[in-house]
């Protein structure tokens, strides 16, 4: 995957993570995919968790922006862009 990422250096790379994943596992996943140089994090399954702390913590820890999130199974209807100034709305369940 690292070689593939080097083929198109101008291509955006989004690391897709489940919002239901534990904080320690999110950190390990992001670290392991670090050599692929992801530009953004994309969280799925926001509708399947009541704990948004791990999502917020990983965004802060990694320093990567959130590109999209999903909150359902319908594509493309359930894929959303979240302006960075609204990330706390998600964490506080106000989105």
PDB file of N, CA and C in Angstrom:
ATOM      1  N   UNK A   1       0.812  -1.191   0.000  1.00  0.00           N
ATOM      2  CA  UNK A   1       0.000   0.000   0.000  1.00  0.00           C
ATOM      3  C   UNK A   1       0.858   1.257   0.000  1.00  0.00           C
ATOM      4  N   UNK A   2       1.990   1.168   0.688  1.00  0.00           N
ATOM      5  CA  UNK A   2       2.893   2.316   0.715  1.00  0.00           C
ATOM      6  C   UNK A   2       3.407   2.626  -0.681  1.00  0.00           C
ATOM      7  N   UNK A   3       3.758   1.581  -1.446  1.00  0.00           N
ATOM      8  CA  UNK A   3       4.210   1.792  -2.820  1.00  0.00           C
ATOM      9  C   UNK A   3       3.120   2.421  -3.666  1.00  0.00           C
ATOM     10  N   UNK A   4       1.894   1.969  -3.498  1.00  0.00           N
ATOM     11  CA  UNK A   4       0.768   2.506  -4.252  1.00  0.00           C
ATOM     12  C   UNK A   4       0.548   3.980  -3.912  1.00  0.00           C
ATOM     13  N   UNK A   5       0.678   4.333  -2.645  1.00  0.00           N
ATOM     14  CA  UNK A   5       0.504   5.724  -2.229  1.00  0.00           C
ATOM     15  C   UNK A   5       1.548   6.625  -2.881  1.00  0.00           C
ATOM     16  N   UNK A   6       2.748   6.089  -3.153  1.00  0.00           N
ATOM     17  CA  UNK A   6       3.803   6.881  -3.773  1.00  0.00           C
ATOM     18  C   UNK A   6       3.617   7.110  -5.256  1.00  0.00           C
ATOM     19  N   UNK A   7       2.744   6.321  -5.894  1.00  0.00           N
ATOM     20  CA  UNK A   7       2.508   6.440  -7.333  1.00  0.00           C
ATOM     21  C   UNK A   7       1.807   7.748  -7.667  1.00  0.00           C
ATOM     22  N   UNK A   8       0.886   8.153  -6.818  1.00  0.00           N
ATOM     23  CA  UNK A   8       0.128   9.384  -7.055  1.00  0.00           C
ATOM     24  C   UNK A   8       0.232  10.273  -5.814  1.00  0.00           C
ATOM     25  N   UNK A   9       1.351  10.963  -5.642  1.00  0.00           N
ATOM     26  CA  UNK A   9       1.554  11.731  -4.415  1.00  0.00           C
ATOM     27  C   UNK A   9       0.546  12.862  -4.206  1.00  0.00           C
ATOM     28  N   UNK A  10      -0.118  13.321  -5.266  1.00  0.00           N
ATOM     29  CA  UNK A  10      -1.100  14.395  -5.124  1.00  0.00           C
ATOM     30  C   UNK A  10      -2.491  13.878  -4.762  1.00  0.00           C
ATOM     31  N   UNK A  11      -2.662  12.560  -4.739  1.00  0.00           N
ATOM     32  CA  UNK A  11      -3.945  11.960  -4.425  1.00  0.00           C
ATOM     33  C   UNK A  11      -4.215  12.074  -2.919  1.00  0.00           C
ATOM     34  N   UNK A  12      -5.443  12.440  -2.554  1.00  0.00           N
ATOM     35  CA  UNK A  12      -5.816  12.471  -1.144  1.00  0.00           C
ATOM     36  C   UNK A  12      -6.000  11.052  -0.645  1.00  0.00           C
ATOM     37  N   UNK A  13      -5.526  10.797   0.564  1.00  0.00           N
ATOM     38  CA  UNK A  13      -5.669   9.476   1.170  1.00  0.00           C
ATOM     39  C   UNK A  13      -6.482   9.612   2.449  1.00  0.00           C
ATOM     40  N   UNK A  14      -7.583   8.873   2.504  1.00  0.00           N
ATOM     41  CA  UNK A  14      -8.487   8.895   3.646  1.00  0.00           C
ATOM     42  C   UNK A  14      -8.401   7.546   4.355  1.00  0.00           C
ATOM     43  N   UNK A  15      -8.052   7.561   5.628  1.00  0.00           N
ATOM     44  CA  UNK A  15      -8.013   6.339   6.413  1.00  0.00           C
ATOM     45  C   UNK A  15      -9.396   6.143   7.018  1.00  0.00           C
ATOM     46  N   UNK A  16     -10.039   5.038   6.676  1.00  0.00           N
ATOM     47  CA  UNK A  16     -11.406   4.756   7.114  1.00  0.00           C
ATOM     48  C   UNK A  16     -11.358   3.956   8.408  1.00  0.00           C
ATOM     49  N   UNK A  17     -12.045   4.475   9.427  1.00  0.00           N
ATOM     50  CA  UNK A  17     -12.067   3.866  10.748  1.00  0.00           C
ATOM     51  C   UNK A  17     -13.498   3.763  11.251  1.00  0.00           C
ATOM     52  N   UNK A  18     -13.773   2.749  12.022  1.00  0.00           N
ATOM     53  CA  UNK A  18     -15.095   2.600  12.632  1.00  0.00           C
ATOM     54  C   UNK A  18     -15.148   3.399  13.929  1.00  0.00           C
ATOM     55  N   UNK A  19     -16.214   4.142  14.120  1.00  0.00           N
ATOM     56  CA  UNK A  19     -16.396   4.911  15.353  1.00  0.00           C
ATOM     57  C   UNK A  19     -16.643   4.001  16.550  1.00  0.00           C
ATOM     58  N   UNK A  20     -16.888   2.721  16.306  1.00  0.00           N
ATOM     59  CA  UNK A  20     -17.122   1.776  17.397  1.00  0.00           C
ATOM     60  C   UNK A  20     -15.827   1.153  17.920  1.00  0.00           C
ATOM     61  N   UNK A  21     -14.689   1.545  17.355  1.00  0.00           N
ATOM     62  CA  UNK A  21     -13.389   0.982  17.742  1.00  0.00           C
ATOM     63  C   UNK A  21     -12.871   1.654  19.015  1.00  0.00           C
ATOM     64  N   UNK A  22     -12.258   0.864  19.890  1.00  0.00           N
ATOM     65  CA  UNK A  22     -11.693   1.385  21.138  1.00  0.00           C
ATOM     66  C   UNK A  22     -10.537   2.339  20.854  1.00  0.00           C
ATOM     67  N   UNK A  23     -10.314   3.285  21.763  1.00  0.00           N
ATOM     68  CA  UNK A  23      -9.262   4.302  21.599  1.00  0.00           C
ATOM     69  C   UNK A  23      -7.888   3.699  21.343  1.00  0.00           C
ATOM     70  N   UNK A  24      -7.506   2.704  22.140  1.00  0.00           N
ATOM     71  CA  UNK A  24      -6.178   2.105  21.983  1.00  0.00           C
ATOM     72  C   UNK A  24      -6.039   1.467  20.612  1.00  0.00           C
ATOM     73  N   UNK A  25      -7.116   0.853  20.115  1.00  0.00           N
ATOM     74  CA  UNK A  25      -7.062   0.224  18.792  1.00  0.00           C
ATOM     75  C   UNK A  25      -7.019   1.266  17.684  1.00  0.00           C
ATOM     76  N   UNK A  26      -7.748   2.367  17.853  1.00  0.00           N
ATOM     77  CA  UNK A  26      -7.689   3.440  16.859  1.00  0.00           C
ATOM     78  C   UNK A  26      -6.264   3.971  16.741  1.00  0.00           C
ATOM     79  N   UNK A  27      -5.635   4.190  17.880  1.00  0.00           N
ATOM     80  CA  UNK A  27      -4.262   4.698  17.871  1.00  0.00           C
ATOM     81  C   UNK A  27      -3.333   3.723  17.146  1.00  0.00           C
ATOM     82  N   UNK A  28      -3.477   2.442  17.420  1.00  0.00           N
ATOM     83  CA  UNK A  28      -2.622   1.446  16.772  1.00  0.00           C
ATOM     84  C   UNK A  28      -2.864   1.392  15.266  1.00  0.00           C
ATOM     85  N   UNK A  29      -4.123   1.453  14.854  1.00  0.00           N
ATOM     86  CA  UNK A  29      -4.448   1.411  13.424  1.00  0.00           C
ATOM     87  C   UNK A  29      -3.839   2.612  12.701  1.00  0.00           C
ATOM     88  N   UNK A  30      -4.031   3.802  13.267  1.00  0.00           N
ATOM     89  CA  UNK A  30      -3.490   5.016  12.640  1.00  0.00           C
ATOM     90  C   UNK A  30      -1.964   4.940  12.570  1.00  0.00           C
ATOM     91  N   UNK A  31      -1.347   4.434  13.614  1.00  0.00           N
ATOM     92  CA  UNK A  31       0.112   4.293  13.623  1.00  0.00           C
ATOM     93  C   UNK A  31       0.567   3.307  12.554  1.00  0.00           C
ATOM     94  N   UNK A  32      -0.107   2.180  12.455  1.00  0.00           N
ATOM     95  CA  UNK A  32       0.291   1.154  11.477  1.00  0.00           C
ATOM     96  C   UNK A  32       0.119   1.630  10.032  1.00  0.00           C
ATOM     97  N   UNK A  33      -0.891   2.464   9.800  1.00  0.00           N
ATOM     98  CA  UNK A  33      -1.102   2.974   8.443  1.00  0.00           C
ATOM     99  C   UNK A  33      -0.322   4.261   8.185  1.00  0.00           C
ATOM    100  N   UNK A  34       0.440   4.731   9.171  1.00  0.00           N
ATOM    101  CA  UNK A  34       1.245   5.939   9.017  1.00  0.00           C
ATOM    102  C   UNK A  34       2.134   5.947   7.789  1.00  0.00           C
ATOM    103  N   UNK A  35       2.819   4.817   7.463  1.00  0.00           N
ATOM    104  CA  UNK A  35       3.671   4.810   6.269  1.00  0.00           C
ATOM    105  C   UNK A  35       2.905   5.077   4.962  1.00  0.00           C
ATOM    106  N   UNK A  36       1.600   4.878   4.970  1.00  0.00           N
ATOM    107  CA  UNK A  36       0.786   5.171   3.770  1.00  0.00           C
ATOM    108  C   UNK A  36       0.456   6.656   3.672  1.00  0.00           C
ATOM    109  N   UNK A  37       0.825   7.409   4.684  1.00  0.00           N
ATOM    110  CA  UNK A  37       0.646   8.858   4.728  1.00  0.00           C
ATOM    111  C   UNK A  37      -0.792   9.306   4.486  1.00  0.00           C
ATOM    112  N   UNK A  38      -1.735   8.831   5.312  1.00  0.00           N
ATOM    113  CA  UNK A  38      -3.109   9.311   5.137  1.00  0.00           C
ATOM    114  C   UNK A  38      -3.192  10.808   5.429  1.00  0.00           C
ATOM    115  N   UNK A  39      -4.052  11.486   4.668  1.00  0.00           N
ATOM    116  CA  UNK A  39      -4.252  12.926   4.835  1.00  0.00           C
ATOM    117  C   UNK A  39      -5.407  13.245   5.767  1.00  0.00           C
ATOM    118  N   UNK A  40      -6.389  12.348   5.785  1.00  0.00           N
ATOM    119  CA  UNK A  40      -7.627  12.578   6.532  1.00  0.00           C
ATOM    120  C   UNK A  40      -8.082  11.294   7.206  1.00  0.00           C
ATOM    121  N   UNK A  41      -8.916  11.467   8.224  1.00  0.00           N
ATOM    122  CA  UNK A  41      -9.604  10.336   8.821  1.00  0.00           C
ATOM    123  C   UNK A  41     -11.065  10.398   8.405  1.00  0.00           C
ATOM    124  N   UNK A  42     -11.631   9.248   8.143  1.00  0.00           N
ATOM    125  CA  UNK A  42     -13.043   9.121   7.778  1.00  0.00           C
ATOM    126  C   UNK A  42     -13.623   8.107   8.755  1.00  0.00           C
ATOM    127  N   UNK A  43     -14.609   8.529   9.546  1.00  0.00           N
ATOM    128  CA  UNK A  43     -15.211   7.636  10.527  1.00  0.00           C
ATOM    129  C   UNK A  43     -16.564   7.136  10.047  1.00  0.00           C
ATOM    130  N   UNK A  44     -16.747   5.827  10.157  1.00  0.00           N
ATOM    131  CA  UNK A  44     -18.017   5.188   9.822  1.00  0.00           C
ATOM    132  C   UNK A  44     -18.738   4.796  11.113  1.00  0.00           C
ATOM    133  N   UNK A  45     -20.011   4.461  10.976  1.00  0.00           N
ATOM    134  CA  UNK A  45     -20.821   3.894  12.068  1.00  0.00           C
ATOM    135  C   UNK A  45     -21.051   4.846  13.237  1.00  0.00           C
ATOM    136  N   UNK A  46     -21.129   6.145  12.971  1.00  0.00           N
ATOM    137  CA  UNK A  46     -21.411   7.060  14.068  1.00  0.00           C
ATOM    138  C   UNK A  46     -22.797   6.797  14.661  1.00  0.00           C
ATOM    139  N   UNK A  47     -23.673   6.166  13.872  1.00  0.00           N
ATOM    140  CA  UNK A  47     -25.002   5.832  14.367  1.00  0.00           C
ATOM    141  C   UNK A  47     -24.995   4.607  15.278  1.00  0.00           C
ATOM    142  N   UNK A  48     -23.877   3.895  15.336  1.00  0.00           N
ATOM    143  CA  UNK A  48     -23.799   2.655  16.115  1.00  0.00           C
ATOM    144  C   UNK A  48     -23.043   2.811  17.422  1.00  0.00           C
ATOM    145  N   UNK A  49     -22.714   4.036  17.790  1.00  0.00           N
ATOM    146  CA  UNK A  49     -22.004   4.249  19.052  1.00  0.00           C
ATOM    147  C   UNK A  49     -22.601   5.423  19.799  1.00  0.00           C
ATOM    148  N   UNK A  50     -22.511   5.352  21.099  1.00  0.00           N
ATOM    149  CA  UNK A  50     -22.932   6.470  21.935  1.00  0.00           C
ATOM    150  C   UNK A  50     -21.727   7.151  22.556  1.00  0.00           C
ATOM    151  N   UNK A  51     -20.537   6.609  22.290  1.00  0.00           N
ATOM    152  CA  UNK A  51     -19.306   7.138  22.864  1.00  0.00           C
ATOM    153  C   UNK A  51     -18.450   7.745  21.752  1.00  0.00           C
ATOM    154  N   UNK A  52     -18.442   9.057  21.674  1.00  0.00           N
ATOM    155  CA  UNK A  52     -17.700   9.741  20.621  1.00  0.00           C
ATOM    156  C   UNK A  52     -16.329  10.212  21.081  1.00  0.00           C
ATOM    157  N   UNK A  53     -16.020   9.992  22.348  1.00  0.00           N
ATOM    158  CA  UNK A  53     -14.715  10.379  22.869  1.00  0.00           C
ATOM    159  C   UNK A  53     -13.553   9.777  22.097  1.00  0.00           C
ATOM    160  N   UNK A  54     -13.598   8.458  21.788  1.00  0.00           N
ATOM    161  CA  UNK A  54     -12.485   7.882  21.031  1.00  0.00           C
ATOM    162  C   UNK A  54     -12.274   8.541  19.659  1.00  0.00           C
ATOM    163  N   UNK A  55     -13.362   8.917  19.002  1.00  0.00           N
ATOM    164  CA  UNK A  55     -13.253   9.598  17.701  1.00  0.00           C
ATOM    165  C   UNK A  55     -12.547  10.935  17.892  1.00  0.00           C
ATOM    166  N   UNK A  56     -13.031  11.714  18.831  1.00  0.00           N
ATOM    167  CA  UNK A  56     -12.438  13.022  19.099  1.00  0.00           C
ATOM    168  C   UNK A  56     -10.982  12.883  19.536  1.00  0.00           C
ATOM    169  N   UNK A  57     -10.721  11.942  20.437  1.00  0.00           N
ATOM    170  CA  UNK A  57      -9.348  11.751  20.919  1.00  0.00           C
ATOM    171  C   UNK A  57      -8.391  11.426  19.779  1.00  0.00           C
ATOM    172  N   UNK A  58      -8.823  10.575  18.849  1.00  0.00           N
ATOM    173  CA  UNK A  58      -7.924  10.193  17.755  1.00  0.00           C
ATOM    174  C   UNK A  58      -7.700  11.356  16.791  1.00  0.00           C
ATOM    175  N   UNK A  59      -8.720  12.164  16.570  1.00  0.00           N
ATOM    176  CA  UNK A  59      -8.534  13.345  15.729  1.00  0.00           C
ATOM    177  C   UNK A  59      -7.503  14.285  16.346  1.00  0.00           C
ATOM    178  N   UNK A  60      -7.592  14.475  17.654  1.00  0.00           N
ATOM    179  CA  UNK A  60      -6.638  15.346  18.348  1.00  0.00           C
ATOM    180  C   UNK A  60      -5.257  14.705  18.364  1.00  0.00           C
ATOM    181  N   UNK A  61      -5.177  13.426  18.731  1.00  0.00           N
ATOM    182  CA  UNK A  61      -3.888  12.734  18.846  1.00  0.00           C
ATOM    183  C   UNK A  61      -3.150  12.686  17.525  1.00  0.00           C
ATOM    184  N   UNK A  62      -3.877  12.342  16.451  1.00  0.00           N
ATOM    185  CA  UNK A  62      -3.225  12.184  15.147  1.00  0.00           C
ATOM    186  C   UNK A  62      -2.957  13.522  14.459  1.00  0.00           C
ATOM    187  N   UNK A  63      -3.755  14.524  14.790  1.00  0.00           N
ATOM    188  CA  UNK A  63      -3.619  15.821  14.130  1.00  0.00           C
ATOM    189  C   UNK A  63      -4.178  15.842  12.721  1.00  0.00           C
ATOM    190  N   UNK A  64      -4.832  14.741  12.322  1.00  0.00           N
ATOM    191  CA  UNK A  64      -5.420  14.675  10.980  1.00  0.00           C
ATOM    192  C   UNK A  64      -6.859  15.187  11.010  1.00  0.00           C
ATOM    193  N   UNK A  65      -7.266  15.862   9.966  1.00  0.00           N
ATOM    194  CA  UNK A  65      -8.647  16.350   9.919  1.00  0.00           C
ATOM    195  C   UNK A  65      -9.637  15.234   9.576  1.00  0.00           C
ATOM    196  N   UNK A  66     -10.861  15.430   9.988  1.00  0.00           N
ATOM    197  CA  UNK A  66     -11.960  14.538   9.619  1.00  0.00           C
ATOM    198  C   UNK A  66     -12.452  14.965   8.245  1.00  0.00           C
ATOM    199  N   UNK A  67     -12.493  14.026   7.318  1.00  0.00           N
ATOM    200  CA  UNK A  67     -12.957  14.371   5.972  1.00  0.00           C
ATOM    201  C   UNK A  67     -14.452  14.120   5.831  1.00  0.00           C
ATOM    202  N   UNK A  68     -14.888  12.935   6.218  1.00  0.00           N
ATOM    203  CA  UNK A  68     -16.291  12.548   6.118  1.00  0.00           C
ATOM    204  C   UNK A  68     -16.636  11.668   7.311  1.00  0.00           C
ATOM    205  N   UNK A  69     -17.931  11.489   7.520  1.00  0.00           N
ATOM    206  CA  UNK A  69     -18.398  10.494   8.475  1.00  0.00           C
ATOM    207  C   UNK A  69     -19.649   9.859   7.899  1.00  0.00           C
ATOM    208  N   UNK A  70     -19.954   8.660   8.372  1.00  0.00           N
ATOM    209  CA  UNK A  70     -21.181   7.997   7.940  1.00  0.00           C
ATOM    210  C   UNK A  70     -22.022   7.688   9.168  1.00  0.00           C
ATOM    211  N   UNK A  71     -23.328   7.720   8.957  1.00  0.00           N
ATOM    212  CA  UNK A  71     -24.245   7.416  10.047  1.00  0.00           C
ATOM    213  C   UNK A  71     -25.415   6.567   9.558  1.00  0.00           C
ATOM    214  N   UNK A  72     -25.128   5.661   8.677  1.00  0.00           N
ATOM    215  CA  UNK A  72     -26.143   4.752   8.155  1.00  0.00           C
ATOM    216  C   UNK A  72     -25.566   3.920   7.036  1.00  0.00           C
ATOM    217  N   UNK A  73     -26.421   3.106   6.439  1.00  0.00           N
ATOM    218  CA  UNK A  73     -25.964   2.157   5.426  1.00  0.00           C
ATOM    219  C   UNK A  73     -26.253   2.603   3.991  1.00  0.00           C
ATOM    220  N   UNK A  74     -26.967   3.704   3.837  1.00  0.00           N
ATOM    221  CA  UNK A  74     -27.305   4.166   2.487  1.00  0.00           C
ATOM    222  C   UNK A  74     -26.166   4.993   1.910  1.00  0.00           C
ATOM    223  N   UNK A  75     -25.707   4.593   0.745  1.00  0.00           N
ATOM    224  CA  UNK A  75     -24.642   5.318   0.047  1.00  0.00           C
ATOM    225  C   UNK A  75     -25.258   5.906  -1.213  1.00  0.00           C
ATOM    226  N   UNK A  76     -25.109   7.167  -1.453  1.00  0.00           N
ATOM    227  CA  UNK A  76     -24.276   8.158  -0.769  1.00  0.00           C
ATOM    228  C   UNK A  76     -25.019   8.980   0.280  1.00  0.00           C
ATOM    229  N   UNK A  77     -26.292   8.697   0.521  1.00  0.00           N
ATOM    230  CA  UNK A  77     -27.095   9.551   1.405  1.00  0.00           C
ATOM    231  C   UNK A  77     -26.539   9.673   2.827  1.00  0.00           C
ATOM    232  N   UNK A  78     -25.915   8.632   3.336  1.00  0.00           N
ATOM    233  CA  UNK A  78     -25.448   8.647   4.720  1.00  0.00           C
ATOM    234  C   UNK A  78     -23.972   8.996   4.879  1.00  0.00           C
ATOM    235  N   UNK A  79     -23.342   9.484   3.819  1.00  0.00           N
ATOM    236  CA  UNK A  79     -21.973   9.987   3.901  1.00  0.00           C
ATOM    237  C   UNK A  79     -22.056  11.500   4.014  1.00  0.00           C
ATOM    238  N   UNK A  80     -21.405  12.056   5.023  1.00  0.00           N
ATOM    239  CA  UNK A  80     -21.536  13.485   5.299  1.00  0.00           C
ATOM    240  C   UNK A  80     -20.173  14.150   5.444  1.00  0.00           C
ATOM    241  N   UNK A  81     -20.129  15.403   5.062  1.00  0.00           N
ATOM    242  CA  UNK A  81     -18.974  16.260   5.307  1.00  0.00           C
ATOM    243  C   UNK A  81     -19.271  17.005   6.597  1.00  0.00           C
ATOM    244  N   UNK A  82     -18.281  17.130   7.438  1.00  0.00           N
ATOM    245  CA  UNK A  82     -18.483  17.861   8.688  1.00  0.00           C
ATOM    246  C   UNK A  82     -17.453  18.975   8.771  1.00  0.00           C
ATOM    247  N   UNK A  83     -17.912  20.220   8.704  1.00  0.00           N
ATOM    248  CA  UNK A  83     -16.948  21.316   8.868  1.00  0.00           C
ATOM    249  C   UNK A  83     -16.253  21.193  10.215  1.00  0.00           C
ATOM    250  N   UNK A  84     -14.956  21.485  10.268  1.00  0.00           N
ATOM    251  CA  UNK A  84     -14.188  21.274  11.498  1.00  0.00           C
ATOM    252  C   UNK A  84     -14.761  22.039  12.684  1.00  0.00           C
ATOM    253  N   UNK A  85     -15.421  23.146  12.423  1.00  0.00           N
ATOM    254  CA  UNK A  85     -15.987  23.902  13.535  1.00  0.00           C
ATOM    255  C   UNK A  85     -17.219  23.217  14.138  1.00  0.00           C
ATOM    256  N   UNK A  86     -17.689  22.125  13.507  1.00  0.00           N
ATOM    257  CA  UNK A  86     -18.842  21.397  14.043  1.00  0.00           C
ATOM    258  C   UNK A  86     -18.468  20.046  14.654  1.00  0.00           C
ATOM    259  N   UNK A  87     -17.177  19.736  14.757  1.00  0.00           N
ATOM    260  CA  UNK A  87     -16.772  18.437  15.293  1.00  0.00           C
ATOM    261  C   UNK A  87     -17.275  18.233  16.713  1.00  0.00           C
ATOM    262  N   UNK A  88     -17.297  19.280  17.508  1.00  0.00           N
ATOM    263  CA  UNK A  88     -17.805  19.136  18.870  1.00  0.00           C
ATOM    264  C   UNK A  88     -19.293  18.836  18.889  1.00  0.00           C
ATOM    265  N   UNK A  89     -20.018  19.233  17.854  1.00  0.00           N
ATOM    266  CA  UNK A  89     -21.439  18.874  17.764  1.00  0.00           C
ATOM    267  C   UNK A  89     -21.606  17.363  17.733  1.00  0.00           C
ATOM    268  N   UNK A  90     -20.718  16.700  16.991  1.00  0.00           N
ATOM    269  CA  UNK A  90     -20.766  15.237  16.917  1.00  0.00           C
ATOM    270  C   UNK A  90     -20.405  14.641  18.273  1.00  0.00           C
ATOM    271  N   UNK A  91     -19.335  15.129  18.865  1.00  0.00           N
ATOM    272  CA  UNK A  91     -18.884  14.589  20.142  1.00  0.00           C
ATOM    273  C   UNK A  91     -19.953  14.779  21.218  1.00  0.00           C
ATOM    274  N   UNK A  92     -20.620  15.905  21.166  1.00  0.00           N
ATOM    275  CA  UNK A  92     -21.653  16.198  22.159  1.00  0.00           C
ATOM    276  C   UNK A  92     -23.039  15.748  21.721  1.00  0.00           C
ATOM    277  N   UNK A  93     -23.098  14.974  20.611  1.00  0.00           N
ATOM    278  CA  UNK A  93     -24.349  14.404  20.064  1.00  0.00           C
ATOM    279  C   UNK A  93     -25.369  15.467  19.701  1.00  0.00           C
ATOM    280  N   UNK A  94     -24.911  16.550  19.122  1.00  0.00           N
ATOM    281  CA  UNK A  94     -25.809  17.638  18.783  1.00  0.00           C
ATOM    282  C   UNK A  94     -25.918  17.828  17.279  1.00  0.00           C
ATOM    283  N   UNK A  95     -25.282  16.956  16.484  1.00  0.00           N
ATOM    284  CA  UNK A  95     -25.273  17.115  15.026  1.00  0.00           C
ATOM    285  C   UNK A  95     -26.511  16.514  14.411  1.00  0.00           C
TER     286      UNK A  95
END
